[in-house]
Amino acid sequence: MESKQVHKSGFVNIIGLPNVGKSTLLNALLGEKLSIITKKAQTTRHRIHGILSEEHFQIVFSDTPGFIEKPAYKMQEEMNKYVASTFEDADMFLYITELGATIEKQENLYQGLVKSNTPVLLLINKIDKAKDEEEVDKYAAHWAEALPKAQIVYISALEKFNLQSIIDKILEALPEGPAYYDKDSISDKNERFFVTEIIREKLLDLYKQEIPYSCQVEIDEFIEEEHIDRIRATIYTERDTQKSIIIGKGGEAIKKLGTLARLDIEKFLDKKVYLELFVKVKENWRNDDMMLKYFGYKE
């Protein structure tokens, strides 16, 4: 009699410093764009679960903000709490670093893994940038001393190199268990969340310096009709000068922002979209407990 194949499932948390490729990795593993990707640091603000399901397994990945050594705002303190929470509920950790990144500067983050009995995959990202194999092996040897229990895998998230090896090693370590989410789900977040993230990504792409970091996007209205979705969103910023820059002369800047965001939202929803954007000022919201709670950063 043929034995029945077991079903494996579990929670795999992705951690690392800002801008090392955590979001790029999550998107590559899922084959879907769930997390913001830009060249700017500290773009992920929330914990995002991405779900990879096949007949005999379900892996729930968790992408977190990069750990911020010296938070400048209460918002960043709350983001660091998301990182801390990943040490409490994982069946496995993916610790991602990039080739050449200083190990000593990451000690506050990876020390929690040294003490943990949870399996760790140490992913050395961006190896496509290496001069030669010796450079990669030498860097990996230093990490083997810092995290002796971790399995080390060389990857390039951007080039999608060696991703199947990650999946194989995760499945070796995950316990037998049920599917925690519907097999058709790709995330625990709803469409509204991803629409705000698309708009925020365009803010990061189009505006310089502190402007995008001072912004929060909220959906005011999301009306689904048969052939079109009508979305009204507000961009909150901290100062009138920032509001003026976002709108631009004669409204040109916000018009461009709206067009680029709408095109990506239509791809994501696979539907026509009518998008209206407004800008409001909420002074010092990143240090305001009430506003942080309203925007979903605090319980």
Protein backbone atom coordinates (compact mmCIF):
# COMPACT_ATOMS: atom_id res chain seq x y z
CA MET A 1 0.00 0.00 0.00
CA GLU A 2 1.39 3.41 -1.00
CA SER A 3 2.16 5.66 1.97
CA LYS A 4 0.49 9.05 2.10
CA GLN A 5 2.86 12.03 1.73
CA VAL A 6 2.90 14.26 4.81
CA HIS A 7 1.94 17.90 4.65
CA LYS A 8 4.55 20.33 5.99
CA SER A 9 3.91 23.89 7.10
CA GLY A 10 5.47 26.63 9.16
CA PHE A 11 6.52 30.23 9.60
CA VAL A 12 9.79 31.41 8.08
CA ASN A 13 10.91 34.88 9.13
CA ILE A 14 13.23 36.98 6.97
CA ILE A 15 15.49 39.34 8.91
CA GLY A 16 18.49 41.53 8.16
CA LEU A 17 19.69 45.11 8.02
CA PRO A 18 17.89 47.70 5.85
CA ASN A 19 18.36 47.46 2.09
CA VAL A 20 20.07 44.03 1.95
CA GLY A 21 17.41 42.52 -0.31
CA LYS A 22 14.76 41.10 2.06
CA SER A 23 11.82 42.39 0.03
CA THR A 24 13.45 41.41 -3.27
CA LEU A 25 13.92 37.90 -1.90
CA LEU A 26 10.32 37.58 -0.71
CA ASN A 27 8.97 38.73 -4.07
CA ALA A 28 11.31 36.35 -5.92
CA LEU A 29 10.38 33.34 -3.77
CA LEU A 30 6.67 33.97 -4.27
CA GLY A 31 6.80 35.04 -7.91
CA GLU A 32 4.61 37.99 -6.86
CA LYS A 33 5.35 41.60 -5.99
CA LEU A 34 4.22 41.99 -2.38
CA SER A 35 6.91 44.22 -0.90
CA ILE A 36 8.22 47.62 -1.98
CA ILE A 37 11.58 47.50 -3.73
CA THR A 38 13.65 50.64 -4.20
CA LYS A 39 17.32 51.53 -3.81
CA LYS A 40 16.40 53.61 -0.77
CA ALA A 41 16.80 52.10 2.70
CA GLN A 42 14.03 51.52 5.25
CA THR A 43 11.23 51.16 2.73
CA THR A 44 9.38 48.28 4.45
CA ARG A 45 7.40 49.58 7.42
CA HIS A 46 5.16 46.67 8.40
CA ARG A 47 5.43 42.94 8.82
CA ILE A 48 4.15 41.36 5.62
CA HIS A 49 3.27 37.68 5.37
CA GLY A 50 3.77 36.09 1.97
CA ILE A 51 2.33 32.60 1.50
CA LEU A 52 3.83 29.91 -0.74
CA SER A 53 1.60 26.86 -1.08
CA GLU A 54 1.85 23.59 -2.98
CA GLU A 55 -0.06 20.34 -2.56
CA HIS A 56 2.19 19.02 0.20
CA PHE A 57 3.40 22.16 1.94
CA GLN A 58 2.65 25.74 2.95
CA ILE A 59 5.45 28.17 3.83
CA VAL A 60 4.42 31.45 5.47
CA PHE A 61 7.22 33.95 4.93
CA SER A 62 7.42 37.11 7.00
CA ASP A 63 9.17 40.18 5.59
CA THR A 64 10.07 42.71 8.25
CA PRO A 65 11.49 46.24 8.28
CA GLY A 66 15.27 46.38 8.45
CA PHE A 67 16.58 46.80 11.99
CA ILE A 68 17.35 50.50 12.69
CA GLU A 69 20.32 50.89 15.05
CA LYS A 70 19.36 54.40 16.26
CA PRO A 71 15.66 55.15 15.69
CA ALA A 72 15.01 58.83 15.02
CA TYR A 73 11.22 58.66 15.47
CA LYS A 74 8.66 56.71 17.49
CA MET A 75 7.54 55.21 14.17
CA GLN A 76 11.00 53.66 13.74
CA GLU A 77 10.85 52.34 17.32
CA GLU A 78 7.58 50.62 16.41
CA MET A 79 9.21 49.22 13.24
CA ASN A 80 12.00 47.73 15.39
CA LYS A 81 9.32 46.04 17.50
CA TYR A 82 8.16 44.20 14.36
CA VAL A 83 11.73 42.93 13.98
CA ALA A 84 11.85 41.84 17.64
CA SER A 85 8.55 39.97 17.27
CA THR A 86 10.07 37.77 14.54
CA PHE A 87 12.23 36.06 17.17
CA GLU A 88 9.12 34.80 18.96
CA ASP A 89 7.12 32.89 16.35
CA ALA A 90 9.42 31.34 13.74
CA ASP A 91 9.89 27.73 12.72
CA MET A 92 12.93 28.88 10.75
CA PHE A 93 14.90 32.08 10.14
CA LEU A 94 16.29 33.39 6.89
CA TYR A 95 19.02 35.82 7.88
CA ILE A 96 19.98 37.79 4.81
CA THR A 97 23.18 39.77 4.45
CA GLU A 98 24.92 41.11 1.39
CA LEU A 99 28.41 40.27 0.26
CA GLY A 100 30.93 42.51 2.01
CA ALA A 101 28.56 43.95 4.63
CA THR A 102 30.37 44.41 7.95
CA ILE A 103 29.48 41.58 10.31
CA GLU A 104 30.29 43.54 13.50
CA LYS A 105 27.64 46.15 12.68
CA GLN A 106 25.00 43.41 12.59
CA GLU A 107 25.82 41.89 15.97
CA ASN A 108 22.82 43.40 17.79
CA LEU A 109 20.53 41.77 15.24
CA TYR A 110 22.01 38.30 14.81
CA GLN A 111 22.87 37.69 18.49
CA GLY A 112 19.29 36.60 19.06
CA LEU A 113 19.85 33.80 16.57
CA VAL A 114 23.01 32.57 18.31
CA LYS A 115 20.98 31.81 21.45
CA SER A 116 18.02 30.35 19.56
CA ASN A 117 17.43 26.66 18.85
CA THR A 118 15.38 27.54 15.76
CA PRO A 119 17.07 26.55 12.46
CA VAL A 120 18.78 29.39 10.58
CA LEU A 121 19.61 29.74 6.91
CA LEU A 122 22.22 32.44 6.40
CA LEU A 123 21.75 33.85 2.93
CA ILE A 124 24.70 35.74 1.44
CA ASN A 125 23.01 37.92 -1.16
CA LYS A 126 24.33 39.77 -4.22
CA ILE A 127 27.05 37.21 -4.97
CA ASP A 128 26.68 38.20 -8.63
CA LYS A 129 28.71 41.27 -7.60
CA ALA A 130 31.67 39.14 -6.39
CA LYS A 131 35.10 39.44 -8.00
CA ASP A 132 35.70 35.70 -7.65
CA GLU A 133 34.67 32.60 -5.68
CA GLU A 134 37.45 33.14 -3.15
CA GLU A 135 35.90 36.47 -2.08
CA VAL A 136 32.57 34.77 -1.34
CA ASP A 137 34.14 31.82 0.51
CA LYS A 138 36.26 34.14 2.67
CA TYR A 139 33.21 36.21 3.64
CA ALA A 140 31.20 33.06 4.38
CA ALA A 141 33.98 31.78 6.67
CA HIS A 142 33.62 34.87 8.87
CA TRP A 143 29.88 34.28 9.13
CA ALA A 144 30.45 30.61 9.99
CA GLU A 145 32.32 31.84 13.09
CA ALA A 146 29.62 34.36 14.00
CA LEU A 147 26.67 31.97 13.44
CA PRO A 148 28.15 28.46 13.72
CA LYS A 149 24.77 26.65 13.72
CA ALA A 150 23.51 28.31 10.54
CA GLN A 151 23.49 26.70 7.11
CA ILE A 152 25.01 29.09 4.57
CA VAL A 153 23.56 29.55 1.09
CA TYR A 154 24.92 31.84 -1.63
CA ILE A 155 22.18 33.67 -3.52
CA SER A 156 21.29 36.57 -5.78
CA ALA A 157 17.69 37.56 -5.04
CA LEU A 158 17.67 40.02 -7.95
CA GLU A 159 18.94 37.43 -10.44
CA LYS A 160 16.82 34.68 -8.81
CA PHE A 161 19.94 32.56 -8.34
CA ASN A 162 19.79 29.51 -6.03
CA LEU A 163 16.26 30.18 -4.77
CA GLN A 164 15.18 26.54 -5.13
CA SER A 165 17.96 25.58 -2.73
CA ILE A 166 16.34 27.86 -0.13
CA ILE A 167 12.94 26.16 -0.59
CA ASP A 168 14.51 22.68 -0.37
CA LYS A 169 16.34 23.48 2.88
CA ILE A 170 13.22 25.06 4.39
CA LEU A 171 11.17 21.94 3.62
CA GLU A 172 13.82 19.74 5.21
CA ALA A 173 13.48 21.69 8.46
CA LEU A 174 9.73 22.43 8.64
CA PRO A 175 7.49 20.25 10.80
CA GLU A 176 4.48 18.29 9.65
CA GLY A 177 1.42 20.50 9.95
CA PRO A 178 -1.78 21.86 8.40
CA ALA A 179 -2.25 24.73 5.98
CA TYR A 180 -2.70 27.89 8.05
CA TYR A 181 -4.18 29.89 5.18
CA ASP A 182 -6.31 29.12 2.14
CA LYS A 183 -4.05 27.54 -0.49
CA ASP A 184 -4.99 30.26 -2.99
CA SER A 185 -3.89 33.09 -0.65
CA ILE A 186 -0.59 34.85 -1.31
CA SER A 187 -0.68 37.16 1.74
CA ASP A 188 -2.49 37.92 4.98
CA LYS A 189 -2.80 41.57 3.89
CA ASN A 190 -5.83 42.84 1.96
CA GLU A 191 -5.99 44.69 -1.36
CA ARG A 192 -6.25 48.08 0.36
CA PHE A 193 -2.88 47.52 2.05
CA PHE A 194 -1.14 46.72 -1.24
CA VAL A 195 -2.71 49.72 -2.97
CA THR A 196 -1.25 52.00 -0.25
CA GLU A 197 2.13 50.29 -0.68
CA ILE A 198 2.09 50.87 -4.44
CA ILE A 199 1.37 54.58 -3.91
CA ARG A 200 4.10 54.77 -1.27
CA GLU A 201 6.56 53.08 -3.61
CA LYS A 202 5.93 55.79 -6.21
CA LEU A 203 6.52 58.44 -3.56
CA LEU A 204 9.91 56.84 -2.87
CA ASP A 205 10.69 56.73 -6.58
CA LEU A 206 9.65 60.28 -7.45
CA TYR A 207 10.62 62.42 -4.45
CA LYS A 208 14.01 63.07 -2.86
CA GLN A 209 15.51 63.29 0.61
CA GLU A 210 13.05 63.20 3.52
CA ILE A 211 9.82 63.72 1.53
CA PRO A 212 8.77 60.06 1.02
CA TYR A 213 9.82 59.07 4.55
CA SER A 214 7.58 61.75 6.03
CA CYS A 215 4.55 60.38 4.16
CA GLN A 216 1.82 57.95 5.14
CA VAL A 217 -0.84 56.76 2.68
CA GLU A 218 -4.38 55.89 3.76
CA ILE A 219 -7.29 54.63 1.65
CA ASP A 220 -10.42 56.74 2.19
CA GLU A 221 -12.68 54.95 -0.28
CA PHE A 222 -12.42 51.72 -2.27
CA ILE A 223 -15.52 51.09 -4.39
CA GLU A 224 -15.55 47.93 -6.50
CA GLU A 225 -17.74 48.12 -9.60
CA GLU A 226 -18.09 45.55 -12.35
CA HIS A 227 -15.57 47.05 -14.77
CA ILE A 228 -13.65 49.55 -12.61
CA ASP A 229 -12.48 50.11 -9.04
CA ARG A 230 -12.78 53.67 -7.72
CA ILE A 231 -10.13 54.51 -5.13
CA ARG A 232 -9.67 57.70 -3.14
CA ALA A 233 -6.48 57.96 -1.05
CA THR A 234 -4.90 60.59 1.17
CA ILE A 235 -1.17 61.17 1.51
CA TYR A 236 -0.35 62.52 4.97
CA THR A 237 2.84 64.49 5.41
CA GLU A 238 4.33 66.58 8.22
CA ARG A 239 4.77 70.10 6.83
CA ASP A 240 3.10 72.49 4.42
CA THR A 241 6.34 72.77 2.42
CA GLN A 242 6.32 68.99 1.92
CA LYS A 243 2.70 69.12 0.81
CA SER A 244 3.59 71.78 -1.78
CA ILE A 245 6.44 69.66 -3.15
CA ILE A 246 4.25 66.57 -3.43
CA ILE A 247 1.58 68.50 -5.33
CA GLY A 248 4.09 70.38 -7.49
CA LYS A 249 3.63 73.42 -9.67
CA GLY A 250 0.12 73.40 -11.11
CA GLY A 251 -0.40 69.92 -9.66
CA GLU A 252 2.04 68.35 -12.14
CA ALA A 253 3.95 66.27 -9.56
CA ILE A 254 0.92 64.64 -7.96
CA LYS A 255 -0.58 64.03 -11.41
CA LYS A 256 2.53 62.06 -12.40
CA LEU A 257 2.46 60.20 -9.08
CA GLY A 258 -1.20 59.29 -9.61
CA THR A 259 -0.63 58.07 -13.17
CA LEU A 260 2.31 55.81 -12.24
CA ALA A 261 0.51 54.45 -9.17
CA ARG A 262 -2.71 53.81 -11.12
CA LEU A 263 -0.89 51.79 -13.79
CA ASP A 264 0.71 49.53 -11.18
CA ILE A 265 -2.53 49.21 -9.19
CA GLU A 266 -4.33 48.13 -12.39
CA LYS A 267 -1.68 45.44 -12.93
CA PHE A 268 -2.01 44.28 -9.34
CA LEU A 269 -5.84 44.19 -9.33
CA ASP A 270 -6.07 43.12 -13.01
CA LYS A 271 -8.79 45.72 -13.47
CA LYS A 272 -9.32 49.31 -14.56
CA VAL A 273 -8.88 51.83 -11.74
CA TYR A 274 -9.96 55.41 -11.17
CA LEU A 275 -7.56 56.89 -8.60
CA GLU A 276 -7.91 60.20 -6.75
CA LEU A 277 -5.08 61.44 -4.52
CA PHE A 278 -5.24 64.15 -1.86
CA VAL A 279 -2.55 65.55 0.45
CA LYS A 280 -3.04 66.56 4.10
CA VAL A 281 -0.64 67.81 6.75
CA LYS A 282 -0.38 66.05 10.15
CA GLU A 283 2.48 67.73 11.96
CA ASN A 284 5.05 65.43 13.54
CA TRP A 285 2.87 62.33 13.01
CA ARG A 286 5.89 60.01 13.23
CA ASN A 287 6.24 60.93 16.92
CA ASP A 288 2.51 61.10 17.71
CA ASP A 289 1.24 58.00 19.56
CA MET A 290 -2.37 58.65 18.57
CA MET A 291 -1.51 59.00 14.87
CA LEU A 292 0.78 55.95 14.95
CA LYS A 293 -2.10 53.95 16.37
CA TYR A 294 -4.48 55.35 13.71
CA PHE A 295 -2.02 54.41 10.96
CA GLY A 296 -1.62 50.89 12.34
CA TYR A 297 1.90 51.05 13.79
CA LYS A 298 0.78 50.64 17.42
CA GLU A 299 -1.70 48.25 18.99
